[in-house]
Amino acid sequence: HADKQGKPHCLCQDPAACPPTKDYEHVCGTDN
């Protein structure tokens, strides 16, 4: 994301804003 001065910064991806996926693209985390 670029700040007001146009300088780029890395921010956490909002999980809710991730693009939709198909069932075969699902993954399992180590938290089961």
Full PDB file with SEQRES, HELIX, SHEET, SSBOND, CRYST1, ORIGX, SCALE, CONECT and MASTER records, all heavy atoms in Angstrom:
SEQRES   1 A   32  HIS ALA ASP LYS GLN GLY LYS PRO HIS CYS LEU CYS GLN          
SEQRES   2 A   32  ASP PRO ALA ALA CYS PRO PRO THR LYS ASP TYR GLU HIS          
SEQRES   3 A   32  VAL CYS GLY THR ASP ASN                                      
HELIX    1 AA1 PRO A   15  ALA A   17  5                                   3    
HELIX    2 AA2 ASP A   23  GLU A   25  5                                   3    
CRYST1    1.000    1.000    1.000  90.00  90.00  90.00 P 1           1          
ORIGX1      1.000000  0.000000  0.000000        0.00000                         
ORIGX2      0.000000  1.000000  0.000000        0.00000                         
ORIGX3      0.000000  0.000000  1.000000        0.00000                         
SCALE1      1.000000  0.000000  0.000000        0.00000                         
SCALE2      0.000000  1.000000  0.000000        0.00000                         
SCALE3      0.000000  0.000000  1.000000        0.00000                         
ATOM      1  N   HIS A   1       0.857  -1.179   0.000  1.00  0.00           N  
ATOM      2  CA  HIS A   1       0.000   0.000   0.000  1.00  0.00           C  
ATOM      3  C   HIS A   1       0.896   1.232   0.000  1.00  0.00           C  
ATOM      4  O   HIS A   1       1.908   1.265   0.696  1.00  0.00           O  
ATOM      5  CB  HIS A   1      -0.915   0.032   1.231  1.00  0.00           C  
ATOM      6  CG  HIS A   1      -2.055  -0.939   1.148  1.00  0.00           C  
ATOM      7  ND1 HIS A   1      -3.187  -0.701   0.410  1.00  0.00           N  
ATOM      8  CD2 HIS A   1      -2.221  -2.165   1.718  1.00  0.00           C  
ATOM      9  CE1 HIS A   1      -4.017  -1.731   0.526  1.00  0.00           C  
ATOM     10  NE2 HIS A   1      -3.451  -2.632   1.308  1.00  0.00           N  
ATOM     11  N   ALA A   2       0.529   2.225  -0.775  1.00  0.00           N  
ATOM     12  CA  ALA A   2       1.292   3.472  -0.808  1.00  0.00           C  
ATOM     13  C   ALA A   2       0.694   4.456   0.196  1.00  0.00           C  
ATOM     14  O   ALA A   2      -0.531   4.584   0.296  1.00  0.00           O  
ATOM     15  CB  ALA A   2       1.274   4.063  -2.210  1.00  0.00           C  
ATOM     16  N   ASP A   3       1.557   5.145   0.974  1.00  0.00           N  
ATOM     17  CA  ASP A   3       1.059   6.126   1.933  1.00  0.00           C  
ATOM     18  C   ASP A   3       0.740   7.444   1.208  1.00  0.00           C  
ATOM     19  O   ASP A   3       0.801   7.522  -0.030  1.00  0.00           O  
ATOM     20  CB  ASP A   3       2.060   6.339   3.074  1.00  0.00           C  
ATOM     21  CG  ASP A   3       3.419   6.849   2.579  1.00  0.00           C  
ATOM     22  OD1 ASP A   3       3.474   7.385   1.447  1.00  0.00           O  
ATOM     23  OD2 ASP A   3       4.396   6.716   3.323  1.00  0.00           O  
ATOM     24  N   LYS A   4       0.404   8.467   1.959  1.00  0.00           N  
ATOM     25  CA  LYS A   4      -0.007   9.745   1.362  1.00  0.00           C  
ATOM     26  C   LYS A   4       1.106  10.378   0.531  1.00  0.00           C  
ATOM     27  O   LYS A   4       0.844  11.132  -0.404  1.00  0.00           O  
ATOM     28  CB  LYS A   4      -0.451  10.710   2.461  1.00  0.00           C  
ATOM     29  CG  LYS A   4      -1.741  10.289   3.148  1.00  0.00           C  
ATOM     30  CD  LYS A   4      -2.117  11.257   4.249  1.00  0.00           C  
ATOM     31  CE  LYS A   4      -3.411  10.823   4.935  1.00  0.00           C  
ATOM     32  NZ  LYS A   4      -3.790  11.746   6.049  1.00  0.00           N  
ATOM     33  N   GLN A   5       2.339  10.067   0.888  1.00  0.00           N  
ATOM     34  CA  GLN A   5       3.476  10.604   0.130  1.00  0.00           C  
ATOM     35  C   GLN A   5       3.829   9.692  -1.070  1.00  0.00           C  
ATOM     36  O   GLN A   5       4.754   9.968  -1.813  1.00  0.00           O  
ATOM     37  CB  GLN A   5       4.709  10.739   1.026  1.00  0.00           C  
ATOM     38  CG  GLN A   5       4.635  11.886   2.035  1.00  0.00           C  
ATOM     39  CD  GLN A   5       3.707  11.576   3.195  1.00  0.00           C  
ATOM     40  OE1 GLN A   5       3.688  10.451   3.690  1.00  0.00           O  
ATOM     41  NE2 GLN A   5       2.922  12.566   3.616  1.00  0.00           N  
ATOM     42  N   GLY A   6       3.083   8.625  -1.216  1.00  0.00           N  
ATOM     43  CA  GLY A   6       3.329   7.705  -2.325  1.00  0.00           C  
ATOM     44  C   GLY A   6       4.401   6.674  -2.037  1.00  0.00           C  
ATOM     45  O   GLY A   6       4.806   5.919  -2.925  1.00  0.00           O  
ATOM     46  N   LYS A   7       4.861   6.608  -0.780  1.00  0.00           N  
ATOM     47  CA  LYS A   7       5.899   5.647  -0.415  1.00  0.00           C  
ATOM     48  C   LYS A   7       5.266   4.281  -0.156  1.00  0.00           C  
ATOM     49  O   LYS A   7       4.297   4.177   0.601  1.00  0.00           O  
ATOM     50  CB  LYS A   7       6.643   6.133   0.830  1.00  0.00           C  
ATOM     51  CG  LYS A   7       7.897   5.334   1.144  1.00  0.00           C  
ATOM     52  CD  LYS A   7       8.650   5.936   2.318  1.00  0.00           C  
ATOM     53  CE  LYS A   7       9.901   5.141   2.632  1.00  0.00           C  
ATOM     54  NZ  LYS A   7      10.647   5.693   3.782  1.00  0.00           N  
ATOM     55  N   PRO A   8       5.795   3.212  -0.749  1.00  0.00           N  
ATOM     56  CA  PRO A   8       5.195   1.880  -0.580  1.00  0.00           C  
ATOM     57  C   PRO A   8       5.507   1.261   0.780  1.00  0.00           C  
ATOM     58  O   PRO A   8       6.605   1.421   1.309  1.00  0.00           O  
ATOM     59  CB  PRO A   8       5.825   1.068  -1.713  1.00  0.00           C  
ATOM     60  CG  PRO A   8       7.150   1.728  -1.961  1.00  0.00           C  
ATOM     61  CD  PRO A   8       6.937   3.186  -1.685  1.00  0.00           C  
ATOM     62  N   HIS A   9       4.530   0.567   1.334  1.00  0.00           N  
ATOM     63  CA  HIS A   9       4.687  -0.166   2.594  1.00  0.00           C  
ATOM     64  C   HIS A   9       3.976  -1.503   2.473  1.00  0.00           C  
ATOM     65  O   HIS A   9       2.997  -1.633   1.735  1.00  0.00           O  
ATOM     66  CB  HIS A   9       4.077   0.621   3.757  1.00  0.00           C  
ATOM     67  CG  HIS A   9       4.782   1.905   4.080  1.00  0.00           C  
ATOM     68  ND1 HIS A   9       5.915   1.955   4.847  1.00  0.00           N  
ATOM     69  CD2 HIS A   9       4.505   3.184   3.718  1.00  0.00           C  
ATOM     70  CE1 HIS A   9       6.312   3.221   4.955  1.00  0.00           C  
ATOM     71  NE2 HIS A   9       5.471   3.983   4.278  1.00  0.00           N  
ATOM     72  N   CYS A  10       4.464  -2.497   3.207  1.00  0.00           N  
ATOM     73  CA  CYS A  10       3.818  -3.804   3.234  1.00  0.00           C  
ATOM     74  C   CYS A  10       2.902  -3.886   4.452  1.00  0.00           C  
ATOM     75  O   CYS A  10       3.351  -3.677   5.587  1.00  0.00           O  
ATOM     76  CB  CYS A  10       4.852  -4.923   3.282  1.00  0.00           C  
ATOM     77  SG  CYS A  10       5.795  -5.093   1.749  1.00  0.00           S  
ATOM     78  N   LEU A  11       1.649  -4.207   4.217  1.00  0.00           N  
ATOM     79  CA  LEU A  11       0.665  -4.371   5.280  1.00  0.00           C  
ATOM     80  C   LEU A  11       0.056  -5.769   5.180  1.00  0.00           C  
ATOM     81  O   LEU A  11       0.032  -6.368   4.102  1.00  0.00           O  
ATOM     82  CB  LEU A  11      -0.446  -3.320   5.164  1.00  0.00           C  
ATOM     83  CG  LEU A  11      -0.013  -1.853   5.220  1.00  0.00           C  
ATOM     84  CD1 LEU A  11      -1.216  -0.950   4.970  1.00  0.00           C  
ATOM     85  CD2 LEU A  11       0.634  -1.536   6.565  1.00  0.00           C  
ATOM     86  N   CYS A  12      -0.451  -6.265   6.304  1.00  0.00           N  
ATOM     87  CA  CYS A  12      -1.056  -7.587   6.307  1.00  0.00           C  
ATOM     88  C   CYS A  12      -2.256  -7.644   5.373  1.00  0.00           C  
ATOM     89  O   CYS A  12      -3.092  -6.736   5.350  1.00  0.00           O  
ATOM     90  CB  CYS A  12      -1.502  -7.979   7.717  1.00  0.00           C  
ATOM     91  SG  CYS A  12      -0.137  -8.441   8.813  1.00  0.00           S  
ATOM     92  N   GLN A  13      -2.318  -8.724   4.613  1.00  0.00           N  
ATOM     93  CA  GLN A  13      -3.464  -8.976   3.758  1.00  0.00           C  
ATOM     94  C   GLN A  13      -4.694  -9.237   4.633  1.00  0.00           C  
ATOM     95  O   GLN A  13      -4.623 -10.005   5.597  1.00  0.00           O  
ATOM     96  CB  GLN A  13      -3.183 -10.211   2.890  1.00  0.00           C  
ATOM     97  CG  GLN A  13      -4.387 -10.823   2.203  1.00  0.00           C  
ATOM     98  CD  GLN A  13      -4.861  -9.992   1.017  1.00  0.00           C  
ATOM     99  OE1 GLN A  13      -4.071  -9.653   0.157  1.00  0.00           O  
ATOM    100  NE2 GLN A  13      -6.137  -9.677   0.989  1.00  0.00           N  
ATOM    101  N   ASP A  14      -5.802  -8.593   4.320  1.00  0.00           N  
ATOM    102  CA  ASP A  14      -7.054  -8.873   5.022  1.00  0.00           C  
ATOM    103  C   ASP A  14      -7.593 -10.191   4.488  1.00  0.00           C  
ATOM    104  O   ASP A  14      -7.944 -10.288   3.300  1.00  0.00           O  
ATOM    105  CB  ASP A  14      -8.062  -7.749   4.758  1.00  0.00           C  
ATOM    106  CG  ASP A  14      -9.413  -8.013   5.426  1.00  0.00           C  
ATOM    107  OD1 ASP A  14      -9.529  -9.018   6.153  1.00  0.00           O  
ATOM    108  OD2 ASP A  14     -10.344  -7.219   5.195  1.00  0.00           O  
ATOM    109  N   PRO A  15      -7.660 -11.250   5.323  1.00  0.00           N  
ATOM    110  CA  PRO A  15      -8.135 -12.555   4.829  1.00  0.00           C  
ATOM    111  C   PRO A  15      -9.513 -12.470   4.173  1.00  0.00           C  
ATOM    112  O   PRO A  15      -9.793 -13.197   3.215  1.00  0.00           O  
ATOM    113  CB  PRO A  15      -8.179 -13.410   6.102  1.00  0.00           C  
ATOM    114  CG  PRO A  15      -7.185 -12.769   7.018  1.00  0.00           C  
ATOM    115  CD  PRO A  15      -7.286 -11.303   6.739  1.00  0.00           C  
ATOM    116  N   ALA A  16     -10.362 -11.585   4.682  1.00  0.00           N  
ATOM    117  CA  ALA A  16     -11.713 -11.461   4.134  1.00  0.00           C  
ATOM    118  C   ALA A  16     -11.703 -10.853   2.733  1.00  0.00           C  
ATOM    119  O   ALA A  16     -12.680 -10.988   1.985  1.00  0.00           O  
ATOM    120  CB  ALA A  16     -12.583 -10.614   5.061  1.00  0.00           C  
ATOM    121  N   ALA A  17     -10.612 -10.179   2.372  1.00  0.00           N  
ATOM    122  CA  ALA A  17     -10.527  -9.529   1.054  1.00  0.00           C  
ATOM    123  C   ALA A  17      -9.846 -10.416   0.007  1.00  0.00           C  
ATOM    124  O   ALA A  17      -9.669  -9.979  -1.139  1.00  0.00           O  
ATOM    125  CB  ALA A  17      -9.773  -8.213   1.183  1.00  0.00           C  
ATOM    126  N   CYS A  18      -9.472 -11.638   0.381  1.00  0.00           N  
ATOM    127  CA  CYS A  18      -8.835 -12.545  -0.578  1.00  0.00           C  
ATOM    128  C   CYS A  18      -9.834 -12.934  -1.668  1.00  0.00           C  
ATOM    129  O   CYS A  18     -11.040 -13.060  -1.396  1.00  0.00           O  
ATOM    130  CB  CYS A  18      -8.338 -13.807   0.133  1.00  0.00           C  
ATOM    131  SG  CYS A  18      -6.882 -13.545   1.178  1.00  0.00           S  
ATOM    132  N   PRO A  19      -9.365 -13.125  -2.880  1.00  0.00           N  
ATOM    133  CA  PRO A  19     -10.279 -13.508  -3.962  1.00  0.00           C  
ATOM    134  C   PRO A  19     -10.903 -14.876  -3.697  1.00  0.00           C  
ATOM    135  O   PRO A  19     -10.301 -15.715  -3.028  1.00  0.00           O  
ATOM    136  CB  PRO A  19      -9.364 -13.540  -5.199  1.00  0.00           C  
ATOM    137  CG  PRO A  19      -7.982 -13.683  -4.666  1.00  0.00           C  
ATOM    138  CD  PRO A  19      -7.972 -12.994  -3.344  1.00  0.00           C  
ATOM    139  N   PRO A  20     -12.103 -15.107  -4.204  1.00  0.00           N  
ATOM    140  CA  PRO A  20     -12.769 -16.406  -3.985  1.00  0.00           C  
ATOM    141  C   PRO A  20     -11.973 -17.540  -4.624  1.00  0.00           C  
ATOM    142  O   PRO A  20     -11.275 -17.344  -5.615  1.00  0.00           O  
ATOM    143  CB  PRO A  20     -14.131 -16.225  -4.665  1.00  0.00           C  
ATOM    144  CG  PRO A  20     -13.938 -15.100  -5.628  1.00  0.00           C  
ATOM    145  CD  PRO A  20     -12.918 -14.195  -5.019  1.00  0.00           C  
ATOM    146  N   THR A  21     -12.079 -18.720  -4.031  1.00  0.00           N  
ATOM    147  CA  THR A  21     -11.333 -19.882  -4.528  1.00  0.00           C  
ATOM    148  C   THR A  21     -12.279 -21.052  -4.767  1.00  0.00           C  
ATOM    149  O   THR A  21     -13.403 -21.080  -4.259  1.00  0.00           O  
ATOM    150  CB  THR A  21     -10.260 -20.324  -3.520  1.00  0.00           C  
ATOM    151  OG1 THR A  21     -10.885 -20.621  -2.263  1.00  0.00           O  
ATOM    152  CG2 THR A  21      -9.218 -19.244  -3.307  1.00  0.00           C  
ATOM    153  N   LYS A  22     -11.796 -22.022  -5.516  1.00  0.00           N  
ATOM    154  CA  LYS A  22     -12.526 -23.270  -5.743  1.00  0.00           C  
ATOM    155  C   LYS A  22     -12.215 -24.233  -4.597  1.00  0.00           C  
ATOM    156  O   LYS A  22     -11.235 -24.067  -3.872  1.00  0.00           O  
ATOM    157  CB  LYS A  22     -12.094 -23.907  -7.062  1.00  0.00           C  
ATOM    158  CG  LYS A  22     -12.199 -22.981  -8.269  1.00  0.00           C  
ATOM    159  CD  LYS A  22     -13.639 -22.720  -8.658  1.00  0.00           C  
ATOM    160  CE  LYS A  22     -13.699 -21.911  -9.955  1.00  0.00           C  
ATOM    161  NZ  LYS A  22     -15.091 -21.558 -10.322  1.00  0.00           N  
ATOM    162  N   ASP A  23     -13.027 -25.260  -4.455  1.00  0.00           N  
ATOM    163  CA  ASP A  23     -12.820 -26.248  -3.387  1.00  0.00           C  
ATOM    164  C   ASP A  23     -11.428 -26.884  -3.470  1.00  0.00           C  
ATOM    165  O   ASP A  23     -10.797 -27.135  -2.442  1.00  0.00           O  
ATOM    166  CB  ASP A  23     -13.886 -27.347  -3.451  1.00  0.00           C  
ATOM    167  CG  ASP A  23     -15.250 -26.861  -2.970  1.00  0.00           C  
ATOM    168  OD1 ASP A  23     -15.304 -25.743  -2.401  1.00  0.00           O  
ATOM    169  OD2 ASP A  23     -16.255 -27.571  -3.162  1.00  0.00           O  
ATOM    170  N   TYR A  24     -10.951 -27.143  -4.695  1.00  0.00           N  
ATOM    171  CA  TYR A  24      -9.658 -27.809  -4.839  1.00  0.00           C  
ATOM    172  C   TYR A  24      -8.477 -26.902  -4.479  1.00  0.00           C  
ATOM    173  O   TYR A  24      -7.336 -27.357  -4.412  1.00  0.00           O  
ATOM    174  CB  TYR A  24      -9.485 -28.385  -6.249  1.00  0.00           C  
ATOM    175  CG  TYR A  24      -9.511 -27.358  -7.365  1.00  0.00           C  
ATOM    176  CD1 TYR A  24      -8.378 -26.592  -7.675  1.00  0.00           C  
ATOM    177  CD2 TYR A  24     -10.658 -27.165  -8.129  1.00  0.00           C  
ATOM    178  CE1 TYR A  24      -8.400 -25.663  -8.689  1.00  0.00           C  
ATOM    179  CE2 TYR A  24     -10.693 -26.232  -9.151  1.00  0.00           C  
ATOM    180  CZ  TYR A  24      -9.561 -25.487  -9.437  1.00  0.00           C  
ATOM    181  OH  TYR A  24      -9.582 -24.551 -10.451  1.00  0.00           O  
ATOM    182  N   GLU A  25      -8.761 -25.624  -4.251  1.00  0.00           N  
ATOM    183  CA  GLU A  25      -7.701 -24.684  -3.868  1.00  0.00           C  
ATOM    184  C   GLU A  25      -7.620 -24.504  -2.350  1.00  0.00           C  
ATOM    185  O   GLU A  25      -6.768 -23.769  -1.859  1.00  0.00           O  
ATOM    186  CB  GLU A  25      -7.933 -23.322  -4.534  1.00  0.00           C  
ATOM    187  CG  GLU A  25      -7.821 -23.355  -6.056  1.00  0.00           C  
ATOM    188  CD  GLU A  25      -8.161 -22.021  -6.706  1.00  0.00           C  
ATOM    189  OE1 GLU A  25      -9.288 -21.523  -6.511  1.00  0.00           O  
ATOM    190  OE2 GLU A  25      -7.286 -21.478  -7.402  1.00  0.00           O  
ATOM    191  N   HIS A  26      -8.506 -25.162  -1.610  1.00  0.00           N  
ATOM    192  CA  HIS A  26      -8.484 -25.075  -0.155  1.00  0.00           C  
ATOM    193  C   HIS A  26      -7.187 -25.683   0.385  1.00  0.00           C  
ATOM    194  O   HIS A  26      -6.613 -26.587  -0.225  1.00  0.00           O  
ATOM    195  CB  HIS A  26      -9.682 -25.795   0.453  1.00  0.00           C  
ATOM    196  CG  HIS A  26     -10.985 -25.094   0.183  1.00  0.00           C  
ATOM    197  ND1 HIS A  26     -12.207 -25.585   0.593  1.00  0.00           N  
ATOM    198  CD2 HIS A  26     -11.251 -23.925  -0.452  1.00  0.00           C  
ATOM    199  CE1 HIS A  26     -13.169 -24.752   0.221  1.00  0.00           C  
ATOM    200  NE2 HIS A  26     -12.610 -23.744  -0.423  1.00  0.00           N  
ATOM    201  N   VAL A  27      -6.739 -25.174   1.523  1.00  0.00           N  
ATOM    202  CA  VAL A  27      -5.522 -25.691   2.153  1.00  0.00           C  
ATOM    203  C   VAL A  27      -5.780 -25.911   3.641  1.00  0.00           C  
ATOM    204  O   VAL A  27      -6.679 -25.311   4.227  1.00  0.00           O  
ATOM    205  CB  VAL A  27      -4.328 -24.725   1.972  1.00  0.00           C  
ATOM    206  CG1 VAL A  27      -3.973 -24.569   0.501  1.00  0.00           C  
ATOM    207  CG2 VAL A  27      -4.606 -23.367   2.597  1.00  0.00           C  
ATOM    208  N   CYS A  28      -4.975 -26.784   4.225  1.00  0.00           N  
ATOM    209  CA  CYS A  28      -5.098 -27.071   5.652  1.00  0.00           C  
ATOM    210  C   CYS A  28      -3.911 -26.467   6.390  1.00  0.00           C  
ATOM    211  O   CYS A  28      -2.755 -26.666   6.004  1.00  0.00           O  
ATOM    212  CB  CYS A  28      -5.145 -28.579   5.887  1.00  0.00           C  
ATOM    213  SG  CYS A  28      -5.442 -29.035   7.621  1.00  0.00           S  
ATOM    214  N   GLY A  29      -4.187 -25.702   7.431  1.00  0.00           N  
ATOM    215  CA  GLY A  29      -3.129 -25.105   8.240  1.00  0.00           C  
ATOM    216  C   GLY A  29      -2.689 -26.049   9.341  1.00  0.00           C  
ATOM    217  O   GLY A  29      -3.367 -27.037   9.645  1.00  0.00           O  
ATOM    218  N   THR A  30      -1.554 -25.744   9.957  1.00  0.00           N  
ATOM    219  CA  THR A  30      -1.066 -26.580  11.054  1.00  0.00           C  
ATOM    220  C   THR A  30      -1.936 -26.449  12.303  1.00  0.00           C  
ATOM    221  O   THR A  30      -1.738 -27.177  13.275  1.00  0.00           O  
ATOM    222  CB  THR A  30       0.392 -26.208  11.404  1.00  0.00           C  
ATOM    223  OG1 THR A  30       0.509 -24.771  11.486  1.00  0.00           O  
ATOM    224  CG2 THR A  30       1.352 -26.709  10.348  1.00  0.00           C  
ATOM    225  N   ASP A  31      -2.919 -25.526  12.262  1.00  0.00           N  
ATOM    226  CA  ASP A  31      -3.896 -25.422  13.350  1.00  0.00           C  
ATOM    227  C   ASP A  31      -5.088 -26.329  13.093  1.00  0.00           C  
ATOM    228  O   ASP A  31      -6.100 -26.257  13.792  1.00  0.00           O  
ATOM    229  CB  ASP A  31      -4.360 -23.971  13.516  1.00  0.00           C  
ATOM    230  CG  ASP A  31      -4.927 -23.386  12.218  1.00  0.00           C  
ATOM    231  OD1 ASP A  31      -4.875 -24.080  11.176  1.00  0.00           O  
ATOM    232  OD2 ASP A  31      -5.420 -22.247  12.245  1.00  0.00           O  
ATOM    233  N   ASN A  32      -4.959 -27.198  12.068  1.00  0.00           N  
ATOM    234  CA  ASN A  32      -6.012 -28.144  11.670  1.00  0.00           C  
ATOM    235  C   ASN A  32      -7.297 -27.423  11.252  1.00  0.00           C  
ATOM    236  O   ASN A  32      -8.394 -27.938  11.425  1.00  0.00           O  
ATOM    237  CB  ASN A  32      -6.319 -29.152  12.785  1.00  0.00           C  
ATOM    238  CG  ASN A  32      -6.968 -30.414  12.239  1.00  0.00           C  
ATOM    239  OD1 ASN A  32      -6.654 -30.846  11.123  1.00  0.00           O  
ATOM    240  ND2 ASN A  32      -7.886 -30.999  12.989  1.00  0.00           N  
TER     241      ASN A  32                                                      
MASTER        0    0    0    2    0    0    0    6  240    1    0    3          
END                                                                             
